[in-house]
Amino acid sequence: YFAIPQLTPAQKRLLEIRMKLASCRHRNHEEVVDEDKRSHETKEDQMKKRRVEREERISSENDSLAASGKDPEREWLASMTAEEAARRDKSKKSKKQAFGWDSFSETAKYNVYKRRVRHMEKHVPPQKRQPGRAWVGGVRACSMNCWRLTRMSAASMLARLAITAAA
């Protein structure tokens, strides 16, 4: 720093006022910059800011509960009203509904598989039905999810090809 020479009381007062004025100017500039940022914030920025504030508030509440020896999760559940619980369950159910590519989930794939198997079983002659096997026109589904041709079905396919080629 610099050495302050001996100042008269009026000069000291003037120096203090100038220092206060400089600090006020600095704080005012910071506020103007913050206000400009807030006015140009997008909705995503506002949501991020609110989320961070909410997480900070929740973590401080959890810390105070943990310091007092209480379980934060149990306290949160105990303070929830019936309306809040119903609204929370409703929002969870609505989030489970799939949309777009997500709609072809594991359950949808399984349902498509069941529908195909059910369709195959309808069109299998009774003499070819065996428990645990799916048949489609002489083609048998093996347990490893692959298809094998039986000798009879291969011969009938070759015969059909020969008939269509001759025609």
C-alpha atoms as a PDB file:
ATOM      1  CA  TYR A   1       0.000   0.000   0.000  1.00  0.00           C
ATOM      2  CA  PHE A   2       0.992   3.613   0.035  1.00  0.00           C
ATOM      3  CA  ALA A   3       1.902   5.843   2.913  1.00  0.00           C
ATOM      4  CA  ILE A   4      -0.758   8.383   3.789  1.00  0.00           C
ATOM      5  CA  PRO A   5       0.790  11.703   4.603  1.00  0.00           C
ATOM      6  CA  GLN A   6      -0.437  13.725   7.532  1.00  0.00           C
ATOM      7  CA  LEU A   7      -3.856  15.001   6.491  1.00  0.00           C
ATOM      8  CA  THR A   8      -5.953  17.675   7.980  1.00  0.00           C
ATOM      9  CA  PRO A   9      -9.354  16.615   9.337  1.00  0.00           C
ATOM     10  CA  ALA A  10     -11.105  18.101   6.299  1.00  0.00           C
ATOM     11  CA  GLN A  11      -8.822  16.168   3.941  1.00  0.00           C
ATOM     12  CA  LYS A  12      -9.395  12.938   5.914  1.00  0.00           C
ATOM     13  CA  ARG A  13     -13.150  13.427   5.662  1.00  0.00           C
ATOM     14  CA  LEU A  14     -12.884  14.101   1.930  1.00  0.00           C
ATOM     15  CA  LEU A  15     -10.766  10.923   1.463  1.00  0.00           C
ATOM     16  CA  GLU A  16     -13.310   8.828   3.404  1.00  0.00           C
ATOM     17  CA  ILE A  17     -16.189  10.228   1.347  1.00  0.00           C
ATOM     18  CA  ARG A  18     -14.336   9.478  -1.918  1.00  0.00           C
ATOM     19  CA  MET A  19     -13.629   5.904  -0.764  1.00  0.00           C
ATOM     20  CA  LYS A  20     -17.292   5.402   0.145  1.00  0.00           C
ATOM     21  CA  LEU A  21     -18.316   6.835  -3.217  1.00  0.00           C
ATOM     22  CA  ALA A  22     -15.951   4.452  -5.058  1.00  0.00           C
ATOM     23  CA  SER A  23     -17.260   1.406  -3.153  1.00  0.00           C
ATOM     24  CA  CYS A  24     -20.885   2.485  -3.829  1.00  0.00           C
ATOM     25  CA  ARG A  25     -20.079   2.933  -7.517  1.00  0.00           C
ATOM     26  CA  HIS A  26     -18.561  -0.554  -7.598  1.00  0.00           C
ATOM     27  CA  ARG A  27     -21.578  -2.162  -5.875  1.00  0.00           C
ATOM     28  CA  ASN A  28     -23.984  -0.241  -8.106  1.00  0.00           C
ATOM     29  CA  HIS A  29     -22.157  -1.510 -11.202  1.00  0.00           C
ATOM     30  CA  GLU A  30     -22.382  -5.095  -9.913  1.00  0.00           C
ATOM     31  CA  GLU A  31     -26.146  -4.684  -9.364  1.00  0.00           C
ATOM     32  CA  VAL A  32     -26.594  -3.258 -12.883  1.00  0.00           C
ATOM     33  CA  VAL A  33     -24.736  -6.244 -14.352  1.00  0.00           C
ATOM     34  CA  ASP A  34     -26.834  -8.708 -12.296  1.00  0.00           C
ATOM     35  CA  GLU A  35     -30.058  -6.966 -13.345  1.00  0.00           C
ATOM     36  CA  ASP A  36     -29.000  -7.146 -16.994  1.00  0.00           C
ATOM     37  CA  LYS A  37     -28.265 -10.861 -16.649  1.00  0.00           C
ATOM     38  CA  ARG A  38     -31.660 -11.445 -15.034  1.00  0.00           C
ATOM     39  CA  SER A  39     -33.479  -9.532 -17.767  1.00  0.00           C
ATOM     40  CA  HIS A  40     -31.793 -11.620 -20.480  1.00  0.00           C
ATOM     41  CA  GLU A  41     -32.227 -14.988 -18.753  1.00  0.00           C
ATOM     42  CA  THR A  42     -34.003 -17.735 -20.637  1.00  0.00           C
ATOM     43  CA  LYS A  43     -36.616 -19.948 -18.991  1.00  0.00           C
ATOM     44  CA  GLU A  44     -34.074 -22.770 -18.788  1.00  0.00           C
ATOM     45  CA  ASP A  45     -31.675 -20.501 -16.872  1.00  0.00           C
ATOM     46  CA  GLN A  46     -34.445 -19.503 -14.478  1.00  0.00           C
ATOM     47  CA  MET A  47     -35.388 -23.146 -13.942  1.00  0.00           C
ATOM     48  CA  LYS A  48     -31.749 -24.073 -13.272  1.00  0.00           C
ATOM     49  CA  LYS A  49     -31.449 -21.225 -10.784  1.00  0.00           C
ATOM     50  CA  ARG A  50     -34.646 -22.261  -8.966  1.00  0.00           C
ATOM     51  CA  ARG A  51     -33.518 -25.894  -8.918  1.00  0.00           C
ATOM     52  CA  VAL A  52     -30.158 -24.948  -7.403  1.00  0.00           C
ATOM     53  CA  GLU A  53     -31.872 -22.778  -4.782  1.00  0.00           C
ATOM     54  CA  ARG A  54     -34.314 -25.574  -3.941  1.00  0.00           C
ATOM     55  CA  GLU A  55     -31.502 -28.135  -3.637  1.00  0.00           C
ATOM     56  CA  GLU A  56     -29.541 -25.787  -1.365  1.00  0.00           C
ATOM     57  CA  ARG A  57     -32.618 -25.210   0.814  1.00  0.00           C
ATOM     58  CA  ILE A  58     -33.364 -28.938   1.028  1.00  0.00           C
ATOM     59  CA  SER A  59     -29.751 -29.805   1.831  1.00  0.00           C
ATOM     60  CA  SER A  60     -29.637 -27.179   4.593  1.00  0.00           C
ATOM     61  CA  GLU A  61     -32.908 -28.538   6.039  1.00  0.00           C
ATOM     62  CA  ASN A  62     -31.549 -32.097   5.847  1.00  0.00           C
ATOM     63  CA  ASP A  63     -28.327 -31.014   7.561  1.00  0.00           C
ATOM     64  CA  SER A  64     -30.245 -29.337  10.384  1.00  0.00           C
ATOM     65  CA  LEU A  65     -32.460 -32.429  10.815  1.00  0.00           C
ATOM     66  CA  ALA A  66     -29.441 -34.737  10.774  1.00  0.00           C
ATOM     67  CA  ALA A  67     -27.713 -32.535  13.355  1.00  0.00           C
ATOM     68  CA  SER A  68     -30.742 -32.875  15.623  1.00  0.00           C
ATOM     69  CA  GLY A  69     -30.620 -36.677  15.202  1.00  0.00           C
ATOM     70  CA  LYS A  70     -33.709 -37.097  13.004  1.00  0.00           C
ATOM     71  CA  ASP A  71     -34.008 -38.949   9.720  1.00  0.00           C
ATOM     72  CA  PRO A  72     -34.674 -36.363   6.959  1.00  0.00           C
ATOM     73  CA  GLU A  73     -36.583 -38.835   4.755  1.00  0.00           C
ATOM     74  CA  ARG A  74     -38.976 -39.830   7.554  1.00  0.00           C
ATOM     75  CA  GLU A  75     -39.544 -36.199   8.536  1.00  0.00           C
ATOM     76  CA  TRP A  76     -40.272 -35.297   4.919  1.00  0.00           C
ATOM     77  CA  LEU A  77     -42.803 -38.115   4.582  1.00  0.00           C
ATOM     78  CA  ALA A  78     -44.405 -37.245   7.923  1.00  0.00           C
ATOM     79  CA  SER A  79     -44.876 -33.608   6.918  1.00  0.00           C
ATOM     80  CA  MET A  80     -46.546 -34.508   3.590  1.00  0.00           C
ATOM     81  CA  THR A  81     -50.309 -34.004   3.394  1.00  0.00           C
ATOM     82  CA  ALA A  82     -52.721 -36.388   1.699  1.00  0.00           C
ATOM     83  CA  GLU A  83     -53.272 -33.939  -1.187  1.00  0.00           C
ATOM     84  CA  GLU A  84     -49.523 -33.674  -1.786  1.00  0.00           C
ATOM     85  CA  ALA A  85     -49.169 -37.456  -1.756  1.00  0.00           C
ATOM     86  CA  ALA A  86     -52.038 -37.845  -4.243  1.00  0.00           C
ATOM     87  CA  ARG A  87     -50.566 -35.188  -6.523  1.00  0.00           C
ATOM     88  CA  ARG A  88     -47.141 -36.850  -6.314  1.00  0.00           C
ATOM     89  CA  ASP A  89     -48.587 -40.280  -7.194  1.00  0.00           C
ATOM     90  CA  LYS A  90     -50.555 -38.771 -10.078  1.00  0.00           C
ATOM     91  CA  SER A  91     -47.445 -37.091 -11.506  1.00  0.00           C
ATOM     92  CA  LYS A  92     -45.499 -40.352 -11.195  1.00  0.00           C
ATOM     93  CA  LYS A  93     -48.191 -42.202 -13.145  1.00  0.00           C
ATOM     94  CA  SER A  94     -48.238 -39.575 -15.870  1.00  0.00           C
ATOM     95  CA  LYS A  95     -44.442 -39.769 -16.218  1.00  0.00           C
ATOM     96  CA  LYS A  96     -44.644 -43.523 -16.831  1.00  0.00           C
ATOM     97  CA  GLN A  97     -46.550 -42.979 -20.068  1.00  0.00           C
ATOM     98  CA  ALA A  98     -44.147 -43.326 -22.932  1.00  0.00           C
ATOM     99  CA  PHE A  99     -44.006 -41.098 -25.966  1.00  0.00           C
ATOM    100  CA  GLY A 100     -42.374 -41.493 -29.367  1.00  0.00           C
ATOM    101  CA  TRP A 101     -39.518 -43.979 -29.546  1.00  0.00           C
ATOM    102  CA  ASP A 102     -39.722 -44.509 -25.799  1.00  0.00           C
ATOM    103  CA  SER A 103     -43.135 -46.077 -26.281  1.00  0.00           C
ATOM    104  CA  PHE A 104     -41.469 -49.188 -27.686  1.00  0.00           C
ATOM    105  CA  SER A 105     -40.227 -50.197 -24.264  1.00  0.00           C
ATOM    106  CA  GLU A 106     -39.587 -53.639 -22.873  1.00  0.00           C
ATOM    107  CA  THR A 107     -43.252 -54.116 -21.998  1.00  0.00           C
ATOM    108  CA  ALA A 108     -44.302 -53.152 -25.507  1.00  0.00           C
ATOM    109  CA  LYS A 109     -41.768 -55.574 -26.985  1.00  0.00           C
ATOM    110  CA  TYR A 110     -43.060 -58.334 -24.734  1.00  0.00           C
ATOM    111  CA  ASN A 111     -46.673 -57.599 -25.690  1.00  0.00           C
ATOM    112  CA  VAL A 112     -45.767 -57.762 -29.392  1.00  0.00           C
ATOM    113  CA  TYR A 113     -44.029 -61.092 -28.771  1.00  0.00           C
ATOM    114  CA  LYS A 114     -47.089 -62.483 -26.949  1.00  0.00           C
ATOM    115  CA  ARG A 115     -49.374 -61.332 -29.774  1.00  0.00           C
ATOM    116  CA  ARG A 116     -47.164 -63.040 -32.382  1.00  0.00           C
ATOM    117  CA  VAL A 117     -47.052 -66.283 -30.424  1.00  0.00           C
ATOM    118  CA  ARG A 118     -50.808 -66.192 -29.933  1.00  0.00           C
ATOM    119  CA  HIS A 119     -51.255 -65.627 -33.674  1.00  0.00           C
ATOM    120  CA  MET A 120     -48.875 -68.508 -34.492  1.00  0.00           C
ATOM    121  CA  GLU A 121     -50.684 -70.884 -32.161  1.00  0.00           C
ATOM    122  CA  LYS A 122     -54.012 -70.157 -33.849  1.00  0.00           C
ATOM    123  CA  HIS A 123     -52.673 -71.218 -37.237  1.00  0.00           C
ATOM    124  CA  VAL A 124     -50.885 -74.401 -36.167  1.00  0.00           C
ATOM    125  CA  PRO A 125     -52.674 -77.646 -36.999  1.00  0.00           C
ATOM    126  CA  PRO A 126     -53.646 -79.650 -33.899  1.00  0.00           C
ATOM    127  CA  GLN A 127     -51.439 -82.621 -34.832  1.00  0.00           C
ATOM    128  CA  LYS A 128     -48.320 -80.372 -34.836  1.00  0.00           C
ATOM    129  CA  ARG A 129     -49.046 -78.655 -31.526  1.00  0.00           C
ATOM    130  CA  GLN A 130     -46.638 -79.615 -28.808  1.00  0.00           C
ATOM    131  CA  PRO A 131     -46.405 -78.098 -25.351  1.00  0.00           C
ATOM    132  CA  GLY A 132     -43.604 -75.548 -25.114  1.00  0.00           C
ATOM    133  CA  ARG A 133     -43.115 -75.216 -28.878  1.00  0.00           C
ATOM    134  CA  ALA A 134     -44.466 -72.708 -31.371  1.00  0.00           C
ATOM    135  CA  TRP A 135     -45.100 -73.889 -34.944  1.00  0.00           C
ATOM    136  CA  VAL A 136     -45.823 -71.877 -38.057  1.00  0.00           C
ATOM    137  CA  GLY A 137     -46.448 -73.800 -41.256  1.00  0.00           C
ATOM    138  CA  GLY A 138     -43.813 -76.444 -40.629  1.00  0.00           C
ATOM    139  CA  VAL A 139     -41.303 -74.006 -39.114  1.00  0.00           C
ATOM    140  CA  ARG A 140     -40.534 -74.683 -35.465  1.00  0.00           C
ATOM    141  CA  ALA A 141     -39.301 -72.100 -32.989  1.00  0.00           C
ATOM    142  CA  CYS A 142     -36.506 -73.549 -30.901  1.00  0.00           C
ATOM    143  CA  SER A 143     -35.810 -72.536 -27.331  1.00  0.00           C
ATOM    144  CA  MET A 144     -32.886 -70.329 -28.363  1.00  0.00           C
ATOM    145  CA  ASN A 145     -35.269 -67.974 -30.201  1.00  0.00           C
ATOM    146  CA  CYS A 146     -34.205 -69.147 -33.649  1.00  0.00           C
ATOM    147  CA  TRP A 147     -36.212 -70.870 -36.374  1.00  0.00           C
ATOM    148  CA  ARG A 148     -35.467 -74.330 -37.754  1.00  0.00           C
ATOM    149  CA  LEU A 149     -37.006 -75.908 -40.794  1.00  0.00           C
ATOM    150  CA  THR A 150     -38.189 -79.440 -40.544  1.00  0.00           C
ATOM    151  CA  ARG A 151     -37.376 -81.826 -43.413  1.00  0.00           C
ATOM    152  CA  MET A 152     -40.989 -81.991 -44.452  1.00  0.00           C
ATOM    153  CA  SER A 153     -41.382 -78.209 -44.540  1.00  0.00           C
ATOM    154  CA  ALA A 154     -38.143 -77.813 -46.553  1.00  0.00           C
ATOM    155  CA  ALA A 155     -39.354 -80.398 -49.087  1.00  0.00           C
ATOM    156  CA  SER A 156     -42.754 -78.700 -49.380  1.00  0.00           C
ATOM    157  CA  MET A 157     -41.061 -75.328 -49.868  1.00  0.00           C
ATOM    158  CA  LEU A 158     -38.854 -76.733 -52.629  1.00  0.00           C
ATOM    159  CA  ALA A 159     -41.906 -78.257 -54.302  1.00  0.00           C
ATOM    160  CA  ARG A 160     -43.719 -74.917 -54.180  1.00  0.00           C
ATOM    161  CA  LEU A 161     -40.686 -73.152 -55.654  1.00  0.00           C
ATOM    162  CA  ALA A 162     -40.499 -75.704 -58.474  1.00  0.00           C
ATOM    163  CA  ILE A 163     -44.213 -75.213 -59.257  1.00  0.00           C
ATOM    164  CA  THR A 164     -43.931 -71.444 -59.309  1.00  0.00           C
ATOM    165  CA  ALA A 165     -40.754 -71.565 -61.419  1.00  0.00           C
ATOM    166  CA  ALA A 166     -42.423 -73.878 -63.949  1.00  0.00           C
ATOM    167  CA  ALA A 167     -45.452 -71.618 -64.241  1.00  0.00           C
END
